[in-house]
Amino acid sequence: MPATELARAAGCVYTVRMSPTNIKKAAKIIRRAIFVAREVGPTFIHAYTSCNIEYSIPTHEVFADAKAQEKDRFTFEEYMTDEAKEVIERVEAEEKAARMARKAQKTEAVN
């Protein structure tokens, strides 16, 4: 049984399987997991990271290996309960509103 399914069976309300090849996406997933864990319950991130020592991958090929695994065994998978989804939508809406307010303030300051 895949690790993310085990995590869900164990009660995790937010699970993700990923290969962190996109730093912005990885940061977004980690933030989501933290906010959900604070308000709803346990979260789980199963991330594939290439290890050039353990897998004998030359250092300059580590990123290519991670990309290949992302297309094979570690395709992106995100699961969330309805409660977790509500938290994520609320927090991301609040963050967007704050960014827009800061942008408006900067525009006012320039004019």
PDB file of N, CA and C in Angstrom:
ATOM      1  N   MET A   1       0.851  -1.182   0.000  1.00  0.00           N
ATOM      2  CA  MET A   1       0.000   0.000   0.000  1.00  0.00           C
ATOM      3  C   MET A   1       0.892   1.239   0.000  1.00  0.00           C
ATOM      4  N   PRO A   2       0.605   2.207  -0.861  1.00  0.00           N
ATOM      5  CA  PRO A   2       1.401   3.440  -0.897  1.00  0.00           C
ATOM      6  C   PRO A   2       1.354   4.201   0.435  1.00  0.00           C
ATOM      7  N   ALA A   3       2.432   4.913   0.708  1.00  0.00           N
ATOM      8  CA  ALA A   3       2.559   5.641   1.974  1.00  0.00           C
ATOM      9  C   ALA A   3       1.433   6.652   2.177  1.00  0.00           C
ATOM     10  N   THR A   4       1.005   7.325   1.106  1.00  0.00           N
ATOM     11  CA  THR A   4      -0.061   8.319   1.273  1.00  0.00           C
ATOM     12  C   THR A   4      -1.377   7.652   1.657  1.00  0.00           C
ATOM     13  N   GLU A   5      -1.633   6.463   1.131  1.00  0.00           N
ATOM     14  CA  GLU A   5      -2.851   5.740   1.517  1.00  0.00           C
ATOM     15  C   GLU A   5      -2.777   5.304   2.974  1.00  0.00           C
ATOM     16  N   LEU A   6      -1.604   4.864   3.409  1.00  0.00           N
ATOM     17  CA  LEU A   6      -1.423   4.500   4.822  1.00  0.00           C
ATOM     18  C   LEU A   6      -1.655   5.714   5.721  1.00  0.00           C
ATOM     19  N   ALA A   7      -1.149   6.856   5.298  1.00  0.00           N
ATOM     20  CA  ALA A   7      -1.323   8.083   6.079  1.00  0.00           C
ATOM     21  C   ALA A   7      -2.806   8.438   6.199  1.00  0.00           C
ATOM     22  N   ARG A   8      -3.537   8.323   5.102  1.00  0.00           N
ATOM     23  CA  ARG A   8      -4.981   8.611   5.147  1.00  0.00           C
ATOM     24  C   ARG A   8      -5.688   7.618   6.066  1.00  0.00           C
ATOM     25  N   ALA A   9      -5.321   6.342   5.959  1.00  0.00           N
ATOM     26  CA  ALA A   9      -5.932   5.317   6.806  1.00  0.00           C
ATOM     27  C   ALA A   9      -5.638   5.577   8.284  1.00  0.00           C
ATOM     28  N   ALA A  10      -4.491   6.203   8.546  1.00  0.00           N
ATOM     29  CA  ALA A  10      -4.102   6.524   9.920  1.00  0.00           C
ATOM     30  C   ALA A  10      -4.737   7.815  10.425  1.00  0.00           C
ATOM     31  N   GLY A  11      -5.494   8.514   9.558  1.00  0.00           N
ATOM     32  CA  GLY A  11      -6.203   9.708   9.995  1.00  0.00           C
ATOM     33  C   GLY A  11      -5.660  11.030   9.503  1.00  0.00           C
ATOM     34  N   CYS A  12      -4.693  11.018   8.615  1.00  0.00           N
ATOM     35  CA  CYS A  12      -4.182  12.288   8.085  1.00  0.00           C
ATOM     36  C   CYS A  12      -5.252  12.944   7.221  1.00  0.00           C
ATOM     37  N   VAL A  13      -5.450  14.239   7.440  1.00  0.00           N
ATOM     38  CA  VAL A  13      -6.504  14.976   6.741  1.00  0.00           C
ATOM     39  C   VAL A  13      -5.992  15.680   5.490  1.00  0.00           C
ATOM     40  N   TYR A  14      -4.675  15.693   5.317  1.00  0.00           N
ATOM     41  CA  TYR A  14      -4.056  16.301   4.140  1.00  0.00           C
ATOM     42  C   TYR A  14      -2.820  15.486   3.827  1.00  0.00           C
ATOM     43  N   THR A  15      -2.772  14.905   2.623  1.00  0.00           N
ATOM     44  CA  THR A  15      -1.601  14.137   2.216  1.00  0.00           C
ATOM     45  C   THR A  15      -1.174  14.560   0.820  1.00  0.00           C
ATOM     46  N   VAL A  16       0.127  14.501   0.584  1.00  0.00           N
ATOM     47  CA  VAL A  16       0.682  14.850  -0.723  1.00  0.00           C
ATOM     48  C   VAL A  16       1.811  13.885  -1.048  1.00  0.00           C
ATOM     49  N   ARG A  17       1.833  13.462  -2.308  1.00  0.00           N
ATOM     50  CA  ARG A  17       2.987  12.726  -2.844  1.00  0.00           C
ATOM     51  C   ARG A  17       3.586  13.644  -3.904  1.00  0.00           C
ATOM     52  N   MET A  18       4.893  13.856  -3.818  1.00  0.00           N
ATOM     53  CA  MET A  18       5.500  14.809  -4.739  1.00  0.00           C
ATOM     54  C   MET A  18       6.997  14.580  -4.869  1.00  0.00           C
ATOM     55  N   SER A  19       7.532  15.143  -5.905  1.00  0.00           N
ATOM     56  CA  SER A  19       8.968  15.271  -6.081  1.00  0.00           C
ATOM     57  C   SER A  19       9.202  16.774  -6.100  1.00  0.00           C
ATOM     58  N   PRO A  20       9.932  17.304  -5.145  1.00  0.00           N
ATOM     59  CA  PRO A  20      10.046  18.770  -5.026  1.00  0.00           C
ATOM     60  C   PRO A  20      10.948  19.407  -6.076  1.00  0.00           C
ATOM     61  N   THR A  21      10.568  19.282  -7.337  1.00  0.00           N
ATOM     62  CA  THR A  21      11.358  19.864  -8.416  1.00  0.00           C
ATOM     63  C   THR A  21      10.984  21.315  -8.688  1.00  0.00           C
ATOM     64  N   ASN A  22       9.843  21.738  -8.183  1.00  0.00           N
ATOM     65  CA  ASN A  22       9.398  23.124  -8.325  1.00  0.00           C
ATOM     66  C   ASN A  22       9.375  23.729  -6.921  1.00  0.00           C
ATOM     67  N   ILE A  23      10.328  24.585  -6.633  1.00  0.00           N
ATOM     68  CA  ILE A  23      10.489  25.128  -5.277  1.00  0.00           C
ATOM     69  C   ILE A  23       9.248  25.889  -4.820  1.00  0.00           C
ATOM     70  N   LYS A  24       8.647  26.698  -5.680  1.00  0.00           N
ATOM     71  CA  LYS A  24       7.458  27.455  -5.284  1.00  0.00           C
ATOM     72  C   LYS A  24       6.296  26.521  -4.948  1.00  0.00           C
ATOM     73  N   LYS A  25       6.125  25.469  -5.735  1.00  0.00           N
ATOM     74  CA  LYS A  25       5.054  24.506  -5.483  1.00  0.00           C
ATOM     75  C   LYS A  25       5.326  23.751  -4.185  1.00  0.00           C
ATOM     76  N   ALA A  26       6.574  23.367  -3.954  1.00  0.00           N
ATOM     77  CA  ALA A  26       6.933  22.662  -2.721  1.00  0.00           C
ATOM     78  C   ALA A  26       6.665  23.545  -1.500  1.00  0.00           C
ATOM     79  N   ALA A  27       7.019  24.819  -1.591  1.00  0.00           N
ATOM     80  CA  ALA A  27       6.772  25.748  -0.484  1.00  0.00           C
ATOM     81  C   ALA A  27       5.276  25.889  -0.227  1.00  0.00           C
ATOM     82  N   LYS A  28       4.493  25.962  -1.291  1.00  0.00           N
ATOM     83  CA  LYS A  28       3.033  26.071  -1.154  1.00  0.00           C
ATOM     84  C   LYS A  28       2.465  24.841  -0.446  1.00  0.00           C
ATOM     85  N   ILE A  29       2.936  23.659  -0.824  1.00  0.00           N
ATOM     86  CA  ILE A  29       2.466  22.415  -0.212  1.00  0.00           C
ATOM     87  C   ILE A  29       2.825  22.377   1.266  1.00  0.00           C
ATOM     88  N   ILE A  30       4.045  22.759   1.596  1.00  0.00           N
ATOM     89  CA  ILE A  30       4.477  22.753   2.995  1.00  0.00           C
ATOM     90  C   ILE A  30       3.646  23.732   3.812  1.00  0.00           C
ATOM     91  N   ARG A  31       3.403  24.930   3.267  1.00  0.00           N
ATOM     92  CA  ARG A  31       2.566  25.917   3.976  1.00  0.00           C
ATOM     93  C   ARG A  31       1.160  25.355   4.208  1.00  0.00           C
ATOM     94  N   ARG A  32       0.584  24.752   3.169  1.00  0.00           N
ATOM     95  CA  ARG A  32      -0.749  24.165   3.299  1.00  0.00           C
ATOM     96  C   ARG A  32      -0.760  23.125   4.411  1.00  0.00           C
ATOM     97  N   ALA A  33       0.229  22.252   4.415  1.00  0.00           N
ATOM     98  CA  ALA A  33       0.297  21.192   5.425  1.00  0.00           C
ATOM     99  C   ALA A  33       0.386  21.770   6.834  1.00  0.00           C
ATOM    100  N   ILE A  34       1.163  22.830   6.983  1.00  0.00           N
ATOM    101  CA  ILE A  34       1.311  23.446   8.309  1.00  0.00           C
ATOM    102  C   ILE A  34      -0.005  24.063   8.770  1.00  0.00           C
ATOM    103  N   PHE A  35      -0.662  24.839   7.904  1.00  0.00           N
ATOM    104  CA  PHE A  35      -1.922  25.467   8.302  1.00  0.00           C
ATOM    105  C   PHE A  35      -2.990  24.429   8.628  1.00  0.00           C
ATOM    106  N   VAL A  36      -3.078  23.383   7.829  1.00  0.00           N
ATOM    107  CA  VAL A  36      -4.070  22.336   8.082  1.00  0.00           C
ATOM    108  C   VAL A  36      -3.752  21.615   9.393  1.00  0.00           C
ATOM    109  N   ALA A  37      -2.484  21.321   9.629  1.00  0.00           N
ATOM    110  CA  ALA A  37      -2.095  20.633  10.864  1.00  0.00           C
ATOM    111  C   ALA A  37      -2.424  21.475  12.096  1.00  0.00           C
ATOM    112  N   ARG A  38      -2.261  22.784  11.988  1.00  0.00           N
ATOM    113  CA  ARG A  38      -2.560  23.678  13.116  1.00  0.00           C
ATOM    114  C   ARG A  38      -4.047  23.703  13.459  1.00  0.00           C
ATOM    115  N   GLU A  39      -4.895  23.624  12.433  1.00  0.00           N
ATOM    116  CA  GLU A  39      -6.326  23.823  12.668  1.00  0.00           C
ATOM    117  C   GLU A  39      -7.192  22.577  12.585  1.00  0.00           C
ATOM    118  N   VAL A  40      -6.762  21.565  11.822  1.00  0.00           N
ATOM    119  CA  VAL A  40      -7.649  20.424  11.590  1.00  0.00           C
ATOM    120  C   VAL A  40      -7.104  19.118  12.144  1.00  0.00           C
ATOM    121  N   GLY A  41      -5.894  18.768  11.766  1.00  0.00           N
ATOM    122  CA  GLY A  41      -5.350  17.489  12.206  1.00  0.00           C
ATOM    123  C   GLY A  41      -4.069  17.144  11.481  1.00  0.00           C
ATOM    124  N   PRO A  42      -3.631  15.899  11.624  1.00  0.00           N
ATOM    125  CA  PRO A  42      -2.337  15.498  11.073  1.00  0.00           C
ATOM    126  C   PRO A  42      -2.275  15.559   9.548  1.00  0.00           C
ATOM    127  N   THR A  43      -1.074  15.877   9.061  1.00  0.00           N
ATOM    128  CA  THR A  43      -0.810  15.960   7.622  1.00  0.00           C
ATOM    129  C   THR A  43       0.401  15.096   7.306  1.00  0.00           C
ATOM    130  N   PHE A  44       0.568  14.767   6.016  1.00  0.00           N
ATOM    131  CA  PHE A  44       1.682  13.911   5.608  1.00  0.00           C
ATOM    132  C   PHE A  44       2.138  14.309   4.213  1.00  0.00           C
ATOM    133  N   ILE A  45       3.437  14.519   4.059  1.00  0.00           N
ATOM    134  CA  ILE A  45       4.014  14.803   2.749  1.00  0.00           C
ATOM    135  C   ILE A  45       5.026  13.703   2.447  1.00  0.00           C
ATOM    136  N   HIS A  46       4.817  13.003   1.351  1.00  0.00           N
ATOM    137  CA  HIS A  46       5.744  11.963   0.897  1.00  0.00           C
ATOM    138  C   HIS A  46       6.494  12.539  -0.288  1.00  0.00           C
ATOM    139  N   ALA A  47       7.720  12.959  -0.049  1.00  0.00           N
ATOM    140  CA  ALA A  47       8.507  13.627  -1.085  1.00  0.00           C
ATOM    141  C   ALA A  47       9.683  12.765  -1.510  1.00  0.00           C
ATOM    142  N   TYR A  48       9.843  12.614  -2.814  1.00  0.00           N
ATOM    143  CA  TYR A  48      10.996  11.899  -3.356  1.00  0.00           C
ATOM    144  C   TYR A  48      12.122  12.895  -3.552  1.00  0.00           C
ATOM    145  N   THR A  49      13.231  12.635  -2.918  1.00  0.00           N
ATOM    146  CA  THR A  49      14.417  13.439  -3.154  1.00  0.00           C
ATOM    147  C   THR A  49      15.540  12.508  -3.575  1.00  0.00           C
ATOM    148  N   SER A  50      16.149  12.803  -4.675  1.00  0.00           N
ATOM    149  CA  SER A  50      17.230  11.976  -5.199  1.00  0.00           C
ATOM    150  C   SER A  50      18.443  12.054  -4.277  1.00  0.00           C
ATOM    151  N   CYS A  51      19.075  10.926  -4.074  1.00  0.00           N
ATOM    152  CA  CYS A  51      20.283  10.883  -3.244  1.00  0.00           C
ATOM    153  C   CYS A  51      21.416  10.356  -4.108  1.00  0.00           C
ATOM    154  N   ASN A  52      22.339  11.222  -4.426  1.00  0.00           N
ATOM    155  CA  ASN A  52      23.411  10.799  -5.318  1.00  0.00           C
ATOM    156  C   ASN A  52      24.316   9.750  -4.683  1.00  0.00           C
ATOM    157  N   ILE A  53      24.378   9.690  -3.375  1.00  0.00           N
ATOM    158  CA  ILE A  53      25.231   8.699  -2.710  1.00  0.00           C
ATOM    159  C   ILE A  53      24.529   7.337  -2.663  1.00  0.00           C
ATOM    160  N   GLU A  54      23.314   7.302  -2.139  1.00  0.00           N
ATOM    161  CA  GLU A  54      22.596   6.032  -2.001  1.00  0.00           C
ATOM    162  C   GLU A  54      22.254   5.406  -3.343  1.00  0.00           C
ATOM    163  N   TYR A  55      21.836   6.208  -4.287  1.00  0.00           N
ATOM    164  CA  TYR A  55      21.418   5.680  -5.585  1.00  0.00           C
ATOM    165  C   TYR A  55      22.512   5.745  -6.637  1.00  0.00           C
ATOM    166  N   SER A  56      23.703   6.153  -6.254  1.00  0.00           N
ATOM    167  CA  SER A  56      24.849   6.269  -7.171  1.00  0.00           C
ATOM    168  C   SER A  56      24.532   7.126  -8.391  1.00  0.00           C
ATOM    169  N   ILE A  57      23.869   8.243  -8.153  1.00  0.00           N
ATOM    170  CA  ILE A  57      23.526   9.183  -9.214  1.00  0.00           C
ATOM    171  C   ILE A  57      24.569  10.296  -9.199  1.00  0.00           C
ATOM    172  N   PRO A  58      25.222  10.546 -10.324  1.00  0.00           N
ATOM    173  CA  PRO A  58      26.175  11.672 -10.337  1.00  0.00           C
ATOM    174  C   PRO A  58      25.478  12.965  -9.918  1.00  0.00           C
ATOM    175  N   THR A  59      26.144  13.772  -9.139  1.00  0.00           N
ATOM    176  CA  THR A  59      25.552  14.989  -8.582  1.00  0.00           C
ATOM    177  C   THR A  59      24.880  15.856  -9.644  1.00  0.00           C
ATOM    178  N   HIS A  60      25.490  15.998 -10.788  1.00  0.00           N
ATOM    179  CA  HIS A  60      24.917  16.861 -11.826  1.00  0.00           C
ATOM    180  C   HIS A  60      23.653  16.255 -12.454  1.00  0.00           C
ATOM    181  N   GLU A  61      23.330  14.998 -12.128  1.00  0.00           N
ATOM    182  CA  GLU A  61      22.131  14.352 -12.678  1.00  0.00           C
ATOM    183  C   GLU A  61      20.999  14.194 -11.653  1.00  0.00           C
ATOM    184  N   VAL A  62      21.196  14.675 -10.440  1.00  0.00           N
ATOM    185  CA  VAL A  62      20.209  14.509  -9.382  1.00  0.00           C
ATOM    186  C   VAL A  62      18.870  15.147  -9.757  1.00  0.00           C
ATOM    187  N   PHE A  63      18.912  16.363 -10.272  1.00  0.00           N
ATOM    188  CA  PHE A  63      17.665  17.047 -10.617  1.00  0.00           C
ATOM    189  C   PHE A  63      16.933  16.313 -11.737  1.00  0.00           C
ATOM    190  N   ALA A  64      17.676  15.827 -12.727  1.00  0.00           N
ATOM    191  CA  ALA A  64      17.063  15.072 -13.833  1.00  0.00           C
ATOM    192  C   ALA A  64      16.417  13.796 -13.308  1.00  0.00           C
ATOM    193  N   ASP A  65      17.064  13.149 -12.328  1.00  0.00           N
ATOM    194  CA  ASP A  65      16.480  11.947 -11.728  1.00  0.00           C
ATOM    195  C   ASP A  65      15.175  12.275 -11.024  1.00  0.00           C
ATOM    196  N   ALA A  66      15.151  13.360 -10.274  1.00  0.00           N
ATOM    197  CA  ALA A  66      13.933  13.765  -9.570  1.00  0.00           C
ATOM    198  C   ALA A  66      12.815  14.044 -10.562  1.00  0.00           C
ATOM    199  N   LYS A  67      13.137  14.709 -11.666  1.00  0.00           N
ATOM    200  CA  LYS A  67      12.141  14.988 -12.716  1.00  0.00           C
ATOM    201  C   LYS A  67      11.604  13.688 -13.307  1.00  0.00           C
ATOM    202  N   ALA A  68      12.486  12.721 -13.534  1.00  0.00           N
ATOM    203  CA  ALA A  68      12.069  11.430 -14.100  1.00  0.00           C
ATOM    204  C   ALA A  68      11.147  10.690 -13.126  1.00  0.00           C
ATOM    205  N   GLN A  69      11.479  10.716 -11.847  1.00  0.00           N
ATOM    206  CA  GLN A  69      10.639  10.047 -10.851  1.00  0.00           C
ATOM    207  C   GLN A  69       9.278  10.721 -10.716  1.00  0.00           C
ATOM    208  N   GLU A  70       9.263  12.030 -10.947  1.00  0.00           N
ATOM    209  CA  GLU A  70       8.022  12.789 -10.892  1.00  0.00           C
ATOM    210  C   GLU A  70       7.059  12.323 -11.991  1.00  0.00           C
ATOM    211  N   LYS A  71       7.598  11.874 -13.096  1.00  0.00           N
ATOM    212  CA  LYS A  71       6.774  11.390 -14.205  1.00  0.00           C
ATOM    213  C   LYS A  71       6.410   9.917 -14.033  1.00  0.00           C
ATOM    214  N   ASP A  72       7.082   9.215 -13.125  1.00  0.00           N
ATOM    215  CA  ASP A  72       6.883   7.780 -12.963  1.00  0.00           C
ATOM    216  C   ASP A  72       6.225   7.459 -11.619  1.00  0.00           C
ATOM    217  N   ARG A  73       7.013   7.162 -10.613  1.00  0.00           N
ATOM    218  CA  ARG A  73       6.500   6.725  -9.305  1.00  0.00           C
ATOM    219  C   ARG A  73       5.969   7.858  -8.434  1.00  0.00           C
ATOM    220  N   PHE A  74       6.463   9.056  -8.627  1.00  0.00           N
ATOM    221  CA  PHE A  74       6.094  10.151  -7.733  1.00  0.00           C
ATOM    222  C   PHE A  74       5.309  11.236  -8.451  1.00  0.00           C
ATOM    223  N   THR A  75       4.302  10.820  -9.213  1.00  0.00           N
ATOM    224  CA  THR A  75       3.417  11.819  -9.816  1.00  0.00           C
ATOM    225  C   THR A  75       2.725  12.562  -8.688  1.00  0.00           C
ATOM    226  N   PHE A  76       2.477  13.816  -8.918  1.00  0.00           N
ATOM    227  CA  PHE A  76       1.861  14.651  -7.889  1.00  0.00           C
ATOM    228  C   PHE A  76       0.482  14.124  -7.526  1.00  0.00           C
ATOM    229  N   GLU A  77       0.249  14.004  -6.231  1.00  0.00           N
ATOM    230  CA  GLU A  77      -1.045  13.556  -5.716  1.00  0.00           C
ATOM    231  C   GLU A  77      -1.339  14.365  -4.455  1.00  0.00           C
ATOM    232  N   GLU A  78      -2.482  14.999  -4.428  1.00  0.00           N
ATOM    233  CA  GLU A  78      -2.870  15.794  -3.255  1.00  0.00           C
ATOM    234  C   GLU A  78      -4.261  15.362  -2.817  1.00  0.00           C
ATOM    235  N   TYR A  79      -4.392  15.045  -1.536  1.00  0.00           N
ATOM    236  CA  TYR A  79      -5.675  14.650  -0.969  1.00  0.00           C
ATOM    237  C   TYR A  79      -5.949  15.554   0.228  1.00  0.00           C
ATOM    238  N   MET A  80      -7.198  15.972   0.368  1.00  0.00           N
ATOM    239  CA  MET A  80      -7.574  16.749   1.552  1.00  0.00           C
ATOM    240  C   MET A  80      -9.036  16.483   1.895  1.00  0.00           C
ATOM    241  N   THR A  81      -9.328  16.518   3.168  1.00  0.00           N
ATOM    242  CA  THR A  81     -10.710  16.390   3.600  1.00  0.00           C
ATOM    243  C   THR A  81     -11.408  17.723   3.338  1.00  0.00           C
ATOM    244  N   ASP A  82     -12.720  17.736   3.474  1.00  0.00           N
ATOM    245  CA  ASP A  82     -13.464  18.984   3.286  1.00  0.00           C
ATOM    246  C   ASP A  82     -13.017  20.049   4.286  1.00  0.00           C
ATOM    247  N   GLU A  83     -12.777  19.631   5.539  1.00  0.00           N
ATOM    248  CA  GLU A  83     -12.311  20.583   6.562  1.00  0.00           C
ATOM    249  C   GLU A  83     -10.958  21.180   6.172  1.00  0.00           C
ATOM    250  N   ALA A  84     -10.064  20.332   5.697  1.00  0.00           N
ATOM    251  CA  ALA A  84      -8.737  20.815   5.280  1.00  0.00           C
ATOM    252  C   ALA A  84      -8.870  21.774   4.101  1.00  0.00           C
ATOM    253  N   LYS A  85      -9.741  21.444   3.174  1.00  0.00           N
ATOM    254  CA  LYS A  85      -9.947  22.300   2.006  1.00  0.00           C
ATOM    255  C   LYS A  85     -10.460  23.675   2.429  1.00  0.00           C
ATOM    256  N   GLU A  86     -11.369  23.718   3.392  1.00  0.00           N
ATOM    257  CA  GLU A  86     -11.894  24.998   3.882  1.00  0.00           C
ATOM    258  C   GLU A  86     -10.776  25.852   4.466  1.00  0.00           C
ATOM    259  N   VAL A  87      -9.893  25.244   5.243  1.00  0.00           N
ATOM    260  CA  VAL A  87      -8.774  25.980   5.840  1.00  0.00           C
ATOM    261  C   VAL A  87      -7.863  26.524   4.747  1.00  0.00           C
ATOM    262  N   ILE A  88      -7.511  25.682   3.785  1.00  0.00           N
ATOM    263  CA  ILE A  88      -6.624  26.088   2.702  1.00  0.00           C
ATOM    264  C   ILE A  88      -7.238  27.236   1.904  1.00  0.00           C
ATOM    265  N   GLU A  89      -8.499  27.108   1.545  1.00  0.00           N
ATOM    266  CA  GLU A  89      -9.160  28.167   0.765  1.00  0.00           C
ATOM    267  C   GLU A  89      -9.223  29.473   1.548  1.00  0.00           C
ATOM    268  N   ARG A  90      -9.525  29.398   2.846  1.00  0.00           N
ATOM    269  CA  ARG A  90      -9.604  30.604   3.664  1.00  0.00           C
ATOM    270  C   ARG A  90      -8.239  31.275   3.788  1.00  0.00           C
ATOM    271  N   VAL A  91      -7.226  30.500   4.124  1.00  0.00           N
ATOM    272  CA  VAL A  91      -5.880  31.055   4.318  1.00  0.00           C
ATOM    273  C   VAL A  91      -5.345  31.653   3.017  1.00  0.00           C
ATOM    274  N   GLU A  92      -5.532  30.949   1.900  1.00  0.00           N
ATOM    275  CA  GLU A  92      -5.029  31.460   0.632  1.00  0.00           C
ATOM    276  C   GLU A  92      -5.800  32.697   0.179  1.00  0.00           C
ATOM    277  N   ALA A  93      -7.087  32.777   0.488  1.00  0.00           N
ATOM    278  CA  ALA A  93      -7.865  33.982   0.174  1.00  0.00           C
ATOM    279  C   ALA A  93      -7.380  35.159   1.025  1.00  0.00           C
ATOM    280  N   GLU A  94      -7.105  34.903   2.307  1.00  0.00           N
ATOM    281  CA  GLU A  94      -6.591  35.958   3.193  1.00  0.00           C
ATOM    282  C   GLU A  94      -5.227  36.455   2.705  1.00  0.00           C
ATOM    283  N   GLU A  95      -4.364  35.529   2.302  1.00  0.00           N
ATOM    284  CA  GLU A  95      -3.044  35.915   1.810  1.00  0.00           C
ATOM    285  C   GLU A  95      -3.156  36.728   0.516  1.00  0.00           C
ATOM    286  N   LYS A  96      -4.057  36.344  -0.358  1.00  0.00           N
ATOM    287  CA  LYS A  96      -4.261  37.077  -1.612  1.00  0.00           C
ATOM    288  C   LYS A  96      -4.780  38.478  -1.325  1.00  0.00           C
ATOM    289  N   ALA A  97      -5.730  38.600  -0.411  1.00  0.00           N
ATOM    290  CA  ALA A  97      -6.270  39.910  -0.054  1.00  0.00           C
ATOM    291  C   ALA A  97      -5.175  40.804   0.536  1.00  0.00           C
ATOM    292  N   ALA A  98      -4.317  40.228   1.367  1.00  0.00           N
ATOM    293  CA  ALA A  98      -3.220  40.998   1.963  1.00  0.00           C
ATOM    294  C   ALA A  98      -2.234  41.469   0.888  1.00  0.00           C
ATOM    295  N   ARG A  99      -1.920  40.602  -0.079  1.00  0.00           N
ATOM    296  CA  ARG A  99      -1.021  41.002  -1.176  1.00  0.00           C
ATOM    297  C   ARG A  99      -1.630  42.137  -1.982  1.00  0.00           C
ATOM    298  N   MET A 100      -2.920  42.045  -2.275  1.00  0.00           N
ATOM    299  CA  MET A 100      -3.589  43.080  -3.055  1.00  0.00           C
ATOM    300  C   MET A 100      -3.622  44.402  -2.292  1.00  0.00           C
ATOM    301  N   ALA A 101      -3.837  44.327  -0.978  1.00  0.00           N
ATOM    302  CA  ALA A 101      -3.851  45.542  -0.158  1.00  0.00           C
ATOM    303  C   ALA A 101      -2.474  46.206  -0.155  1.00  0.00           C
ATOM    304  N   ARG A 102      -1.409  45.392  -0.049  1.00  0.00           N
ATOM    305  CA  ARG A 102      -0.052  45.949  -0.068  1.00  0.00           C
ATOM    306  C   ARG A 102       0.232  46.594  -1.426  1.00  0.00           C
ATOM    307  N   LYS A 103      -0.215  45.946  -2.480  1.00  0.00           N
ATOM    308  CA  LYS A 103      -0.005  46.485  -3.833  1.00  0.00           C
ATOM    309  C   LYS A 103      -0.756  47.810  -3.993  1.00  0.00           C
ATOM    310  N   ALA A 104      -1.965  47.892  -3.479  1.00  0.00           N
ATOM    311  CA  ALA A 104      -2.747  49.124  -3.555  1.00  0.00           C
ATOM    312  C   ALA A 104      -2.068  50.242  -2.774  1.00  0.00           C
ATOM    313  N   GLN A 105      -1.521  49.920  -1.598  1.00  0.00           N
ATOM    314  CA  GLN A 105      -0.818  50.913  -0.797  1.00  0.00           C
ATOM    315  C   GLN A 105       0.409  51.451  -1.534  1.00  0.00           C
ATOM    316  N   LYS A 106       1.136  50.568  -2.199  1.00  0.00           N
ATOM    317  CA  LYS A 106       2.323  50.986  -2.955  1.00  0.00           C
ATOM    318  C   LYS A 106       1.920  51.905  -4.092  1.00  0.00           C
ATOM    319  N   THR A 107       0.822  51.574  -4.760  1.00  0.00           N
ATOM    320  CA  THR A 107       0.327  52.382  -5.878  1.00  0.00           C
ATOM    321  C   THR A 107      -0.076  53.760  -5.381  1.00  0.00           C
ATOM    322  N   GLU A 108      -0.751  53.827  -4.230  1.00  0.00           N
ATOM    323  CA  GLU A 108      -1.163  55.107  -3.642  1.00  0.00           C
ATOM    324  C   GLU A 108       0.055  55.946  -3.266  1.00  0.00           C
ATOM    325  N   ALA A 109       1.074  55.301  -2.728  1.00  0.00           N
ATOM    326  CA  ALA A 109       2.275  56.007  -2.311  1.00  0.00           C
ATOM    327  C   ALA A 109       2.994  56.637  -3.497  1.00  0.00           C
ATOM    328  N   VAL A 110       2.959  55.962  -4.637  1.00  0.00           N
ATOM    329  CA  VAL A 110       3.616  56.464  -5.846  1.00  0.00           C
ATOM    330  C   VAL A 110       2.854  57.664  -6.404  1.00  0.00           C
ATOM    331  N   ASN A 111       1.529  57.617  -6.337  1.00  0.00           N
ATOM    332  CA  ASN A 111       0.695  58.698  -6.907  1.00  0.00           C
ATOM    333  C   ASN A 111       0.614  59.807  -5.932  1.00  0.00           C
TER     334      ASN A 111
END
